[in-house]
Amino acid sequence: MKQQLGQKDSMGVIFKSDSNISKEIAISPEIKQHFLENKDILLTQKVVKNRSTYFQSNKNLGKAIGHCDIVYSYLDNDKNMISVLLDTYDMNQNDPSRLVQLARKAQDNGTFRTYYSIFITKTNHRILQKWLKN
């Protein structure tokens, strides 16, 4: 949290792999791209760490998450891809949007509190196989 939000502690929410939003993330084009870009690493049972993505293909994910970090991904014993994503809700100082800048002022004066969401996703091995064939 210190690196992401500039503070030691923060409020947050964890969405398990059976939550609707984690299920939607798991089959998104962005996760597909992540898998395909890292398949050589993943298929050798290694862990992929410290990637990021921007959800633009789906309005719901784009508005709910936007940019996020893929903390790590790996294939489990059943060849499903498990990923942990971190999204921090902090108003970026460099964002040109007037709305973000307004929210940034509220954040800086303590009116708006930063928080985070962690999404645990599980992409079924059958989906991964289909992605490999395309």
Protein backbone atom coordinates (compact mmCIF):
# COMPACT_ATOMS: atom_id res chain seq x y z
CA MET A 1 0.00 0.00 0.00
CA LYS A 2 2.87 2.30 0.74
CA GLN A 3 4.11 2.15 -2.86
CA GLN A 4 0.67 2.39 -4.46
CA LEU A 5 -1.13 4.86 -2.23
CA GLY A 6 1.68 6.58 -0.39
CA GLN A 7 0.39 5.41 2.96
CA LYS A 8 0.99 2.48 5.26
CA ASP A 9 -2.65 1.44 5.69
CA SER A 10 -5.82 1.83 3.67
CA MET A 11 -9.33 0.47 3.49
CA GLY A 12 -9.94 -2.17 0.87
CA VAL A 13 -12.20 -4.82 -0.58
CA ILE A 14 -11.27 -8.31 -1.74
CA PHE A 15 -13.32 -9.95 -4.49
CA LYS A 16 -12.91 -13.73 -4.56
CA SER A 17 -12.83 -15.67 -7.81
CA ASP A 18 -16.51 -16.59 -7.53
CA SER A 19 -17.66 -12.95 -7.43
CA ASN A 20 -19.39 -11.62 -10.53
CA ILE A 21 -16.76 -8.97 -11.21
CA SER A 22 -13.86 -11.43 -10.84
CA LYS A 23 -15.61 -13.83 -13.20
CA GLU A 24 -16.03 -11.02 -15.74
CA ILE A 25 -12.37 -10.03 -15.42
CA ALA A 26 -11.24 -13.65 -15.84
CA ILE A 27 -12.69 -13.92 -19.36
CA SER A 28 -12.02 -10.36 -20.49
CA PRO A 29 -10.01 -9.54 -23.63
CA GLU A 30 -7.43 -7.85 -21.41
CA ILE A 31 -6.81 -11.03 -19.42
CA LYS A 32 -6.73 -12.98 -22.67
CA GLN A 33 -4.02 -10.63 -23.94
CA HIS A 34 -2.15 -10.98 -20.65
CA PHE A 35 -2.27 -14.77 -20.95
CA LEU A 36 -1.16 -14.83 -24.58
CA GLU A 37 1.69 -12.37 -23.96
CA ASN A 38 2.94 -14.47 -21.04
CA LYS A 39 1.99 -17.99 -22.12
CA ASP A 40 5.59 -19.17 -22.48
CA ILE A 41 6.26 -18.28 -18.86
CA LEU A 42 2.93 -19.58 -17.54
CA LEU A 43 3.03 -22.87 -19.43
CA THR A 44 6.37 -23.71 -17.81
CA GLN A 45 4.69 -23.45 -14.38
CA LYS A 46 6.33 -20.15 -13.55
CA VAL A 47 4.73 -17.08 -12.00
CA VAL A 48 4.22 -13.88 -13.96
CA LYS A 49 4.60 -10.83 -11.71
CA ASN A 50 4.08 -7.09 -11.86
CA ARG A 51 2.11 -6.46 -15.03
CA SER A 52 -0.63 -3.92 -15.59
CA THR A 53 -3.64 -3.51 -17.83
CA TYR A 54 -6.32 -1.03 -18.76
CA PHE A 55 -9.85 -2.37 -19.13
CA GLN A 56 -11.28 -0.69 -22.22
CA SER A 57 -13.14 -3.51 -23.95
CA ASN A 58 -16.01 -3.53 -21.48
CA LYS A 59 -17.77 -0.41 -20.20
CA ASN A 60 -18.51 -1.94 -16.82
CA LEU A 61 -14.91 -2.99 -16.17
CA GLY A 62 -13.59 0.24 -17.65
CA LYS A 63 -15.64 2.38 -15.30
CA ALA A 64 -15.30 0.12 -12.27
CA ILE A 65 -11.57 -0.54 -12.60
CA GLY A 66 -9.89 1.28 -15.49
CA HIS A 67 -6.16 0.81 -14.91
CA CYS A 68 -4.97 -1.88 -12.53
CA ASP A 69 -1.93 -3.94 -11.67
CA ILE A 70 -1.78 -7.66 -12.23
CA VAL A 71 0.25 -8.51 -9.16
CA TYR A 72 0.82 -12.09 -10.27
CA SER A 73 -0.58 -14.94 -12.36
CA TYR A 74 0.15 -18.64 -12.45
CA LEU A 75 -1.38 -21.92 -13.62
CA ASP A 76 -2.76 -24.11 -10.85
CA ASN A 77 -2.57 -27.92 -10.80
CA ASP A 78 -5.65 -28.12 -13.02
CA LYS A 79 -4.10 -25.69 -15.55
CA ASN A 80 -6.50 -22.86 -14.67
CA MET A 81 -4.92 -19.42 -14.60
CA ILE A 82 -5.10 -17.77 -11.20
CA SER A 83 -4.45 -14.03 -11.13
CA VAL A 84 -4.44 -11.41 -8.41
CA LEU A 85 -5.19 -7.86 -9.52
CA LEU A 86 -4.86 -4.69 -7.48
CA ASP A 87 -6.78 -1.53 -8.22
CA THR A 88 -6.10 1.53 -6.13
CA TYR A 89 -8.66 4.29 -5.97
CA ASP A 90 -6.41 7.28 -5.69
CA MET A 91 -6.64 10.33 -7.82
CA ASN A 92 -3.50 10.50 -9.93
CA GLN A 93 -1.84 13.88 -9.83
CA ASN A 94 -0.88 13.74 -13.52
CA ASP A 95 -4.34 12.89 -14.86
CA PRO A 96 -5.51 15.72 -17.16
CA SER A 97 -9.22 15.18 -16.41
CA ARG A 98 -10.82 18.11 -14.58
CA LEU A 99 -12.95 15.67 -12.58
CA VAL A 100 -9.89 13.73 -11.48
CA GLN A 101 -8.12 16.95 -10.54
CA LEU A 102 -11.13 18.05 -8.49
CA ALA A 103 -11.15 14.69 -6.73
CA ARG A 104 -7.38 14.98 -6.26
CA LYS A 105 -7.89 18.23 -4.33
CA ALA A 106 -10.44 16.46 -2.12
CA GLN A 107 -7.96 13.64 -1.60
CA ASP A 108 -5.15 16.04 -0.71
CA ASN A 109 -7.25 17.89 1.86
CA GLY A 110 -8.50 14.65 3.42
CA THR A 111 -12.13 14.86 2.22
CA PHE A 112 -11.67 11.86 -0.08
CA ARG A 113 -10.04 8.74 1.33
CA THR A 114 -8.05 6.43 -0.92
CA TYR A 115 -8.83 2.71 -0.93
CA TYR A 116 -8.10 -0.40 -2.92
CA SER A 117 -9.73 -3.46 -4.42
CA ILE A 118 -8.11 -6.84 -4.86
CA PHE A 119 -9.59 -9.18 -7.44
CA ILE A 120 -8.75 -12.88 -7.41
CA THR A 121 -9.58 -14.44 -10.76
CA LYS A 122 -9.66 -17.97 -12.07
CA THR A 123 -9.68 -18.48 -15.83
CA ASN A 124 -10.76 -22.02 -16.66
CA HIS A 125 -8.25 -24.19 -18.52
CA ARG A 126 -10.78 -24.78 -21.32
CA ILE A 127 -10.91 -21.05 -22.00
CA LEU A 128 -7.12 -20.88 -22.00
CA GLN A 129 -6.98 -23.75 -24.52
CA LYS A 130 -9.47 -21.94 -26.73
CA TRP A 131 -7.39 -18.76 -26.55
CA LEU A 132 -4.29 -20.72 -27.59
CA LYS A 133 -6.07 -22.08 -30.65
CA ASN A 134 -7.23 -18.67 -31.89
